[in-house]
PDB file of N, CA and C in Angstrom:
ATOM      1  N   MET A   1     127.062  53.270 109.499  1.00  0.00           N
ATOM      2  CA  MET A   1     125.760  53.303 108.881  1.00  0.00           C
ATOM      3  C   MET A   1     125.605  54.614 108.099  1.00  0.00           C
ATOM      4  N   MET A   2     124.958  54.511 106.921  1.00  0.00           N
ATOM      5  CA  MET A   2     124.770  55.685 106.074  1.00  0.00           C
ATOM      6  C   MET A   2     123.705  56.615 106.654  1.00  0.00           C
ATOM      7  N   ASP A   3     123.908  57.871 106.416  1.00  0.00           N
ATOM      8  CA  ASP A   3     122.845  58.777 106.833  1.00  0.00           C
ATOM      9  C   ASP A   3     121.731  58.796 105.784  1.00  0.00           C
ATOM     10  N   ASP A   4     120.588  59.316 106.137  1.00  0.00           N
ATOM     11  CA  ASP A   4     119.401  59.248 105.278  1.00  0.00           C
ATOM     12  C   ASP A   4     119.582  60.007 103.968  1.00  0.00           C
ATOM     13  N   PHE A   5     120.324  61.097 103.999  1.00  0.00           N
ATOM     14  CA  PHE A   5     120.471  61.898 102.784  1.00  0.00           C
ATOM     15  C   PHE A   5     121.220  61.128 101.698  1.00  0.00           C
ATOM     16  N   ARG A   6     122.321  60.472 102.067  1.00  0.00           N
ATOM     17  CA  ARG A   6     123.084  59.690 101.085  1.00  0.00           C
ATOM     18  C   ARG A   6     122.261  58.535 100.548  1.00  0.00           C
ATOM     19  N   LEU A   7     121.497  57.894 101.387  1.00  0.00           N
ATOM     20  CA  LEU A   7     120.656  56.784 100.959  1.00  0.00           C
ATOM     21  C   LEU A   7     119.594  57.263  99.976  1.00  0.00           C
ATOM     22  N   LYS A   8     119.009  58.412 100.233  1.00  0.00           N
ATOM     23  CA  LYS A   8     118.013  58.964  99.316  1.00  0.00           C
ATOM     24  C   LYS A   8     118.639  59.315  97.973  1.00  0.00           C
ATOM     25  N   ILE A   9     119.831  59.876  98.008  1.00  0.00           N
ATOM     26  CA  ILE A   9     120.527  60.221  96.759  1.00  0.00           C
ATOM     27  C   ILE A   9     120.833  58.969  95.954  1.00  0.00           C
ATOM     28  N   ILE A  10     121.361  57.939  96.600  1.00  0.00           N
ATOM     29  CA  ILE A  10     121.711  56.698  95.902  1.00  0.00           C
ATOM     30  C   ILE A  10     120.466  56.027  95.330  1.00  0.00           C
ATOM     31  N   LEU A  11     119.397  55.972  96.090  1.00  0.00           N
ATOM     32  CA  LEU A  11     118.171  55.345  95.605  1.00  0.00           C
ATOM     33  C   LEU A  11     117.541  56.132  94.465  1.00  0.00           C
ATOM     34  N   SER A  12     117.594  57.451  94.512  1.00  0.00           N
ATOM     35  CA  SER A  12     117.017  58.240  93.429  1.00  0.00           C
ATOM     36  C   SER A  12     117.840  58.109  92.144  1.00  0.00           C
ATOM     37  N   VAL A  13     119.175  58.026  92.273  1.00  0.00           N
ATOM     38  CA  VAL A  13     120.012  57.834  91.083  1.00  0.00           C
ATOM     39  C   VAL A  13     119.771  56.451  90.481  1.00  0.00           C
ATOM     40  N   LEU A  14     119.719  55.428  91.315  1.00  0.00           N
ATOM     41  CA  LEU A  14     119.451  54.086  90.805  1.00  0.00           C
ATOM     42  C   LEU A  14     118.054  53.987  90.193  1.00  0.00           C
ATOM     43  N   GLY A  15     117.092  54.632  90.807  1.00  0.00           N
ATOM     44  CA  GLY A  15     115.740  54.642  90.245  1.00  0.00           C
ATOM     45  C   GLY A  15     115.693  55.327  88.896  1.00  0.00           C
ATOM     46  N   GLY A  16     116.407  56.429  88.740  1.00  0.00           N
ATOM     47  CA  GLY A  16     116.470  57.119  87.448  1.00  0.00           C
ATOM     48  C   GLY A  16     117.131  56.293  86.376  1.00  0.00           C
ATOM     49  N   ILE A  17     118.195  55.578  86.743  1.00  0.00           N
ATOM     50  CA  ILE A  17     118.885  54.728  85.767  1.00  0.00           C
ATOM     51  C   ILE A  17     117.977  53.590  85.318  1.00  0.00           C
ATOM     52  N   ILE A  18     117.314  52.937  86.252  1.00  0.00           N
ATOM     53  CA  ILE A  18     116.410  51.838  85.901  1.00  0.00           C
ATOM     54  C   ILE A  18     115.246  52.352  85.069  1.00  0.00           C
ATOM     55  N   PHE A  19     114.697  53.505  85.429  1.00  0.00           N
ATOM     56  CA  PHE A  19     113.585  54.094  84.694  1.00  0.00           C
ATOM     57  C   PHE A  19     113.982  54.398  83.251  1.00  0.00           C
ATOM     58  N   SER A  20     115.185  54.939  83.052  1.00  0.00           N
ATOM     59  CA  SER A  20     115.635  55.260  81.693  1.00  0.00           C
ATOM     60  C   SER A  20     115.916  54.001  80.891  1.00  0.00           C
ATOM     61  N   PHE A  21     116.455  52.949  81.527  1.00  0.00           N
ATOM     62  CA  PHE A  21     116.695  51.701  80.809  1.00  0.00           C
ATOM     63  C   PHE A  21     115.397  51.054  80.349  1.00  0.00           C
ATOM     64  N   VAL A  22     114.348  51.180  81.144  1.00  0.00           N
ATOM     65  CA  VAL A  22     113.046  50.626  80.729  1.00  0.00           C
ATOM     66  C   VAL A  22     112.584  51.298  79.447  1.00  0.00           C
ATOM     67  N   PHE A  23     112.692  52.625  79.367  1.00  0.00           N
ATOM     68  CA  PHE A  23     112.245  53.312  78.164  1.00  0.00           C
ATOM     69  C   PHE A  23     113.163  53.054  76.976  1.00  0.00           C
ATOM     70  N   ILE A  24     114.451  52.876  77.208  1.00  0.00           N
ATOM     71  CA  ILE A  24     115.360  52.538  76.120  1.00  0.00           C
ATOM     72  C   ILE A  24     115.014  51.158  75.572  1.00  0.00           C
ATOM     73  N   LEU A  25     114.748  50.201  76.442  1.00  0.00           N
ATOM     74  CA  LEU A  25     114.362  48.867  75.987  1.00  0.00           C
ATOM     75  C   LEU A  25     113.027  48.890  75.264  1.00  0.00           C
ATOM     76  N   LEU A  26     112.088  49.688  75.727  1.00  0.00           N
ATOM     77  CA  LEU A  26     110.809  49.796  75.028  1.00  0.00           C
ATOM     78  C   LEU A  26     110.979  50.407  73.643  1.00  0.00           C
ATOM     79  N   ALA A  27     111.893  51.334  73.498  1.00  0.00           N
ATOM     80  CA  ALA A  27     112.118  51.952  72.194  1.00  0.00           C
ATOM     81  C   ALA A  27     112.642  50.933  71.191  1.00  0.00           C
ATOM     82  N   PHE A  28     113.436  49.986  71.649  1.00  0.00           N
ATOM     83  CA  PHE A  28     113.942  48.963  70.742  1.00  0.00           C
ATOM     84  C   PHE A  28     112.959  47.819  70.551  1.00  0.00           C
ATOM     85  N   ALA A  29     112.108  47.581  71.528  1.00  0.00           N
ATOM     86  CA  ALA A  29     111.209  46.435  71.462  1.00  0.00           C
ATOM     87  C   ALA A  29     109.951  46.724  70.654  1.00  0.00           C
ATOM     88  N   LEU A  30     109.460  47.964  70.696  1.00  0.00           N
ATOM     89  CA  LEU A  30     108.223  48.273  69.995  1.00  0.00           C
ATOM     90  C   LEU A  30     108.477  48.444  68.505  1.00  0.00           C
ATOM     91  N   PRO A  31     107.641  47.841  67.676  1.00  0.00           N
ATOM     92  CA  PRO A  31     107.851  47.961  66.220  1.00  0.00           C
ATOM     93  C   PRO A  31     107.457  49.344  65.720  1.00  0.00           C
ATOM     94  N   ILE A  32     108.128  49.758  64.665  1.00  0.00           N
ATOM     95  CA  ILE A  32     107.818  51.033  64.034  1.00  0.00           C
ATOM     96  C   ILE A  32     106.969  50.726  62.802  1.00  0.00           C
ATOM     97  N   THR A  33     105.780  51.287  62.758  1.00  0.00           N
ATOM     98  CA  THR A  33     104.901  51.048  61.621  1.00  0.00           C
ATOM     99  C   THR A  33     104.928  52.263  60.706  1.00  0.00           C
ATOM    100  N   GLU A  34     104.914  51.987  59.422  1.00  0.00           N
ATOM    101  CA  GLU A  34     104.894  53.062  58.443  1.00  0.00           C
ATOM    102  C   GLU A  34     103.457  53.353  58.055  1.00  0.00           C
ATOM    103  N   ARG A  35     103.157  54.615  57.926  1.00  0.00           N
ATOM    104  CA  ARG A  35     101.815  55.005  57.512  1.00  0.00           C
ATOM    105  C   ARG A  35     101.800  55.183  55.997  1.00  0.00           C
ATOM    106  N   HIS A  36     100.808  54.592  55.370  1.00  0.00           N
ATOM    107  CA  HIS A  36     100.645  54.737  53.936  1.00  0.00           C
ATOM    108  C   HIS A  36      99.588  55.801  53.671  1.00  0.00           C
ATOM    109  N   THR A  37      99.959  56.799  52.897  1.00  0.00           N
ATOM    110  CA  THR A  37      99.019  57.869  52.591  1.00  0.00           C
ATOM    111  C   THR A  37      98.503  57.684  51.174  1.00  0.00           C
ATOM    112  N   LEU A  38      97.234  57.915  50.998  1.00  0.00           N
ATOM    113  CA  LEU A  38      96.618  57.829  49.688  1.00  0.00           C
ATOM    114  C   LEU A  38      96.712  59.181  49.001  1.00  0.00           C
ATOM    115  N   ILE A  39      97.137  59.152  47.757  1.00  0.00           N
ATOM    116  CA  ILE A  39      97.218  60.380  46.975  1.00  0.00           C
ATOM    117  C   ILE A  39      95.972  60.444  46.101  1.00  0.00           C
ATOM    118  N   VAL A  40      95.167  61.445  46.351  1.00  0.00           N
ATOM    119  CA  VAL A  40      93.924  61.606  45.602  1.00  0.00           C
ATOM    120  C   VAL A  40      94.173  62.591  44.469  1.00  0.00           C
ATOM    121  N   LYS A  41      93.761  62.196  43.266  1.00  0.00           N
ATOM    122  CA  LYS A  41      93.948  63.081  42.123  1.00  0.00           C
ATOM    123  C   LYS A  41      92.972  64.249  42.214  1.00  0.00           C
ATOM    124  N   PRO A  42      93.440  65.453  41.860  1.00  0.00           N
ATOM    125  CA  PRO A  42      92.546  66.605  41.904  1.00  0.00           C
ATOM    126  C   PRO A  42      91.434  66.473  40.866  1.00  0.00           C
ATOM    127  N   LYS A  43      90.232  66.895  41.253  1.00  0.00           N
ATOM    128  CA  LYS A  43      89.079  66.759  40.371  1.00  0.00           C
ATOM    129  C   LYS A  43      88.826  68.028  39.569  1.00  0.00           C
ATOM    130  N   GLY A  44      88.795  69.151  40.251  1.00  0.00           N
ATOM    131  CA  GLY A  44      88.439  70.397  39.582  1.00  0.00           C
ATOM    132  C   GLY A  44      89.639  71.237  39.230  1.00  0.00           C
ATOM    133  N   VAL A  45      89.380  72.359  38.577  1.00  0.00           N
ATOM    134  CA  VAL A  45      90.440  73.262  38.149  1.00  0.00           C
ATOM    135  C   VAL A  45      91.134  73.886  39.359  1.00  0.00           C
ATOM    136  N   LEU A  46      90.352  74.297  40.360  1.00  0.00           N
ATOM    137  CA  LEU A  46      90.949  74.923  41.541  1.00  0.00           C
ATOM    138  C   LEU A  46      91.825  73.946  42.304  1.00  0.00           C
ATOM    139  N   GLU A  47      91.404  72.689  42.360  1.00  0.00           N
ATOM    140  CA  GLU A  47      92.231  71.680  43.036  1.00  0.00           C
ATOM    141  C   GLU A  47      93.524  71.433  42.270  1.00  0.00           C
ATOM    142  N   LYS A  48      93.473  71.471  40.951  1.00  0.00           N
ATOM    143  CA  LYS A  48      94.687  71.295  40.141  1.00  0.00           C
ATOM    144  C   LYS A  48      95.653  72.460  40.354  1.00  0.00           C
ATOM    145  N   VAL A  49      95.109  73.684  40.395  1.00  0.00           N
ATOM    146  CA  VAL A  49      95.953  74.861  40.613  1.00  0.00           C
ATOM    147  C   VAL A  49      96.559  74.807  42.011  1.00  0.00           C
ATOM    148  N   SER A  50      95.771  74.418  43.005  1.00  0.00           N
ATOM    149  CA  SER A  50      96.264  74.316  44.379  1.00  0.00           C
ATOM    150  C   SER A  50      97.363  73.278  44.482  1.00  0.00           C
ATOM    151  N   GLU A  51      97.172  72.142  43.829  1.00  0.00           N
ATOM    152  CA  GLU A  51      98.174  71.074  43.856  1.00  0.00           C
ATOM    153  C   GLU A  51      99.458  71.530  43.167  1.00  0.00           C
ATOM    154  N   ALA A  52      99.334  72.257  42.064  1.00  0.00           N
ATOM    155  CA  ALA A  52     100.509  72.752  41.351  1.00  0.00           C
ATOM    156  C   ALA A  52     101.252  73.793  42.192  1.00  0.00           C
ATOM    157  N   ALA A  53     100.516  74.590  42.975  1.00  0.00           N
ATOM    158  CA  ALA A  53     101.155  75.613  43.802  1.00  0.00           C
ATOM    159  C   ALA A  53     101.922  74.983  44.959  1.00  0.00           C
ATOM    160  N   ARG A  54     101.475  73.839  45.422  1.00  0.00           N
ATOM    161  CA  ARG A  54     102.158  73.160  46.535  1.00  0.00           C
ATOM    162  C   ARG A  54     103.495  72.583  46.106  1.00  0.00           C
ATOM    163  N   LYS A  55     103.598  72.170  44.872  1.00  0.00           N
ATOM    164  CA  LYS A  55     104.835  71.525  44.387  1.00  0.00           C
ATOM    165  C   LYS A  55     105.811  72.527  43.960  1.00  0.00           C
TER     166      LYS A  55
END
């Protein structure tokens, strides 16, 4: 019969493996959505200068 320490080690390793497989499967199962950003044209002179400085 196994002693308690070995049983705890085996159960914790198996639990970690199952836990990681769940997250790996979720990563493949969940869809990735793309975010669409709206580009707003600058209105004033300061906004135009700021936009030009960013590029």
